[in-house]
Amino acid sequence: MKFVLRPSLFGFVVATRAALALGVGLLVASRIPEPRRRAIALTLIGIGAVTTIPAVRAVLGTRREVPELKQAV
C-alpha cells in the first residue's frame, strides 16, 4: 500500500513528529534550567501527542491504489 500526501499534509505530519521528538530531547538535555526545560518539554510533548490523532486520521484517509511504475529491464 502506498500513500500519496499533499505537501501541506506531509508538513503537518513532520511537524507533529518534530514537536514530540524535540520535547523528549529537551527532557534529557541539561543546557536550560530544569524548571523551564521541563515546562517547555512537556508542552511540546503534549502538542505532539495531541496532534498525532488528526495526523494519523488524515494520512489513513489518503489511502488509495497507486499504479506501480514498471521499470525497464
N, C-alpha and C. Protein backbone atom coordinates (compact mmCIF):
# COMPACT_ATOMS: atom_id res chain seq x y z
N MET A 1 0.84 -1.17 0.00
CA MET A 1 0.00 0.00 0.00
C MET A 1 0.89 1.24 0.00
N LYS A 2 0.50 2.21 -0.79
CA LYS A 2 1.26 3.46 -0.86
C LYS A 2 0.36 4.61 -0.45
N PHE A 3 0.98 5.63 0.09
CA PHE A 3 0.26 6.84 0.49
C PHE A 3 0.74 7.98 -0.39
N VAL A 4 -0.18 8.74 -0.89
CA VAL A 4 0.15 9.94 -1.65
C VAL A 4 -0.31 11.12 -0.79
N LEU A 5 0.63 11.90 -0.30
CA LEU A 5 0.31 13.01 0.60
C LEU A 5 0.54 14.34 -0.08
N ARG A 6 -0.39 15.26 0.18
CA ARG A 6 -0.18 16.64 -0.27
C ARG A 6 0.97 17.21 0.53
N PRO A 7 1.70 18.16 -0.02
CA PRO A 7 2.81 18.76 0.73
C PRO A 7 2.38 19.35 2.08
N SER A 8 1.19 19.93 2.14
CA SER A 8 0.74 20.51 3.40
C SER A 8 0.48 19.43 4.45
N LEU A 9 -0.08 18.30 4.05
CA LEU A 9 -0.31 17.20 4.98
C LEU A 9 1.01 16.58 5.42
N PHE A 10 1.93 16.43 4.50
CA PHE A 10 3.24 15.90 4.83
C PHE A 10 3.94 16.81 5.84
N GLY A 11 3.85 18.12 5.63
CA GLY A 11 4.45 19.07 6.57
C GLY A 11 3.81 18.98 7.94
N PHE A 12 2.50 18.79 8.00
CA PHE A 12 1.80 18.64 9.27
C PHE A 12 2.28 17.41 10.02
N VAL A 13 2.40 16.30 9.32
CA VAL A 13 2.87 15.06 9.95
C VAL A 13 4.30 15.23 10.46
N VAL A 14 5.15 15.82 9.66
CA VAL A 14 6.54 16.04 10.07
C VAL A 14 6.60 16.97 11.28
N ALA A 15 5.79 18.01 11.30
CA ALA A 15 5.79 18.96 12.42
C ALA A 15 5.33 18.29 13.72
N THR A 16 4.33 17.40 13.65
CA THR A 16 3.88 16.72 14.87
C THR A 16 4.97 15.81 15.41
N ARG A 17 5.66 15.11 14.54
CA ARG A 17 6.75 14.23 14.97
C ARG A 17 7.91 15.05 15.52
N ALA A 18 8.20 16.19 14.90
CA ALA A 18 9.30 17.03 15.35
C ALA A 18 9.02 17.63 16.73
N ALA A 19 7.79 18.06 16.98
CA ALA A 19 7.44 18.61 18.29
C ALA A 19 7.60 17.55 19.37
N LEU A 20 7.15 16.35 19.09
CA LEU A 20 7.26 15.27 20.05
C LEU A 20 8.73 14.94 20.32
N ALA A 21 9.52 14.83 19.28
CA ALA A 21 10.94 14.50 19.43
C ALA A 21 11.70 15.61 20.14
N LEU A 22 11.41 16.85 19.81
CA LEU A 22 12.08 17.97 20.46
C LEU A 22 11.75 18.01 21.95
N GLY A 23 10.51 17.74 22.29
CA GLY A 23 10.10 17.70 23.69
C GLY A 23 10.84 16.63 24.46
N VAL A 24 10.94 15.44 23.88
CA VAL A 24 11.67 14.35 24.54
C VAL A 24 13.15 14.71 24.65
N GLY A 25 13.70 15.30 23.62
CA GLY A 25 15.10 15.71 23.65
C GLY A 25 15.37 16.74 24.74
N LEU A 26 14.45 17.67 24.91
CA LEU A 26 14.63 18.68 25.96
C LEU A 26 14.58 18.07 27.36
N LEU A 27 13.79 17.03 27.53
CA LEU A 27 13.72 16.39 28.84
C LEU A 27 15.06 15.81 29.26
N VAL A 28 15.84 15.33 28.32
CA VAL A 28 17.12 14.71 28.66
C VAL A 28 18.30 15.67 28.54
N ALA A 29 18.06 16.87 28.03
CA ALA A 29 19.14 17.85 27.89
C ALA A 29 19.38 18.55 29.23
N SER A 30 20.50 19.26 29.31
CA SER A 30 20.79 19.96 30.56
C SER A 30 21.26 21.40 30.35
N ARG A 31 21.04 21.95 29.19
CA ARG A 31 21.52 23.30 28.90
C ARG A 31 20.59 24.39 29.40
N ILE A 32 19.32 24.08 29.56
CA ILE A 32 18.32 25.04 30.03
C ILE A 32 18.02 24.70 31.48
N PRO A 33 17.80 25.70 32.33
CA PRO A 33 17.45 25.41 33.73
C PRO A 33 16.27 24.43 33.82
N GLU A 34 16.34 23.52 34.78
CA GLU A 34 15.38 22.40 34.87
C GLU A 34 13.91 22.79 34.89
N PRO A 35 13.46 23.73 35.70
CA PRO A 35 12.01 24.03 35.70
C PRO A 35 11.51 24.55 34.35
N ARG A 36 12.29 25.40 33.73
CA ARG A 36 11.92 25.95 32.42
C ARG A 36 11.95 24.86 31.35
N ARG A 37 13.01 24.06 31.37
CA ARG A 37 13.17 22.98 30.39
C ARG A 37 12.01 22.00 30.49
N ARG A 38 11.63 21.65 31.71
CA ARG A 38 10.55 20.69 31.92
C ARG A 38 9.22 21.24 31.39
N ALA A 39 8.95 22.50 31.65
CA ALA A 39 7.69 23.11 31.17
C ALA A 39 7.64 23.14 29.65
N ILE A 40 8.72 23.55 29.02
CA ILE A 40 8.77 23.60 27.55
C ILE A 40 8.65 22.19 26.97
N ALA A 41 9.39 21.25 27.54
CA ALA A 41 9.39 19.88 27.03
C ALA A 41 8.00 19.26 27.14
N LEU A 42 7.35 19.42 28.28
CA LEU A 42 6.02 18.83 28.45
C LEU A 42 4.99 19.48 27.53
N THR A 43 5.15 20.76 27.28
CA THR A 43 4.26 21.43 26.33
C THR A 43 4.44 20.87 24.93
N LEU A 44 5.68 20.72 24.49
CA LEU A 44 5.95 20.17 23.15
C LEU A 44 5.48 18.73 23.03
N ILE A 45 5.70 17.94 24.07
CA ILE A 45 5.24 16.55 24.05
C ILE A 45 3.72 16.52 23.97
N GLY A 46 3.07 17.38 24.73
CA GLY A 46 1.61 17.44 24.69
C GLY A 46 1.08 17.81 23.32
N ILE A 47 1.69 18.82 22.71
CA ILE A 47 1.28 19.24 21.36
C ILE A 47 1.50 18.11 20.37
N GLY A 48 2.66 17.47 20.44
CA GLY A 48 2.96 16.37 19.53
C GLY A 48 2.01 15.20 19.71
N ALA A 49 1.69 14.88 20.96
CA ALA A 49 0.80 13.75 21.24
C ALA A 49 -0.63 14.05 20.79
N VAL A 50 -1.12 15.25 21.09
CA VAL A 50 -2.50 15.61 20.74
C VAL A 50 -2.69 15.71 19.23
N THR A 51 -1.70 16.19 18.53
CA THR A 51 -1.84 16.33 17.07
C THR A 51 -1.55 15.04 16.32
N THR A 52 -1.13 14.00 17.03
CA THR A 52 -0.88 12.72 16.38
C THR A 52 -2.17 12.10 15.85
N ILE A 53 -3.24 12.18 16.62
CA ILE A 53 -4.51 11.57 16.20
C ILE A 53 -5.04 12.17 14.90
N PRO A 54 -5.14 13.51 14.78
CA PRO A 54 -5.58 14.06 13.49
C PRO A 54 -4.62 13.74 12.34
N ALA A 55 -3.32 13.67 12.65
CA ALA A 55 -2.35 13.34 11.60
C ALA A 55 -2.55 11.93 11.09
N VAL A 56 -2.76 10.98 12.00
CA VAL A 56 -2.99 9.59 11.59
C VAL A 56 -4.28 9.48 10.80
N ARG A 57 -5.33 10.13 11.26
CA ARG A 57 -6.60 10.10 10.52
C ARG A 57 -6.45 10.68 9.11
N ALA A 58 -5.71 11.78 9.01
CA ALA A 58 -5.52 12.41 7.70
C ALA A 58 -4.72 11.51 6.77
N VAL A 59 -3.68 10.89 7.29
CA VAL A 59 -2.86 10.01 6.45
C VAL A 59 -3.65 8.78 6.03
N LEU A 60 -4.36 8.17 6.96
CA LEU A 60 -5.14 6.99 6.60
C LEU A 60 -6.29 7.32 5.66
N GLY A 61 -6.75 8.55 5.69
CA GLY A 61 -7.81 8.98 4.79
C GLY A 61 -7.32 9.19 3.36
N THR A 62 -6.01 9.21 3.16
CA THR A 62 -5.46 9.42 1.81
C THR A 62 -5.10 8.11 1.12
N ARG A 63 -5.41 6.98 1.75
CA ARG A 63 -5.07 5.69 1.13
C ARG A 63 -5.81 5.53 -0.18
N ARG A 64 -5.08 5.11 -1.16
CA ARG A 64 -5.69 4.78 -2.45
C ARG A 64 -4.68 3.97 -3.24
N GLU A 65 -5.20 3.28 -4.19
CA GLU A 65 -4.33 2.47 -5.03
C GLU A 65 -3.60 3.37 -6.02
N VAL A 66 -2.31 3.20 -6.06
CA VAL A 66 -1.48 3.95 -7.00
C VAL A 66 -0.86 2.93 -7.93
N PRO A 67 -1.02 3.13 -9.24
CA PRO A 67 -0.43 2.16 -10.16
C PRO A 67 1.08 2.12 -10.02
N GLU A 68 1.60 0.93 -10.01
CA GLU A 68 3.06 0.74 -9.90
C GLU A 68 3.71 1.12 -11.23
N LEU A 69 4.84 1.78 -11.12
CA LEU A 69 5.61 2.09 -12.32
C LEU A 69 6.44 0.88 -12.69
N LYS A 70 6.37 0.49 -13.94
CA LYS A 70 7.15 -0.66 -14.39
C LYS A 70 8.52 -0.17 -14.81
N GLN A 71 9.52 -0.87 -14.31
CA GLN A 71 10.88 -0.49 -14.63
C GLN A 71 11.33 -1.20 -15.90
N ALA A 72 12.06 -0.47 -16.73
CA ALA A 72 12.57 -1.05 -17.94
C ALA A 72 13.74 -1.97 -17.59
N VAL A 73 13.77 -3.10 -18.25
CA VAL A 73 14.83 -4.07 -17.96
C VAL A 73 15.92 -3.96 -18.97
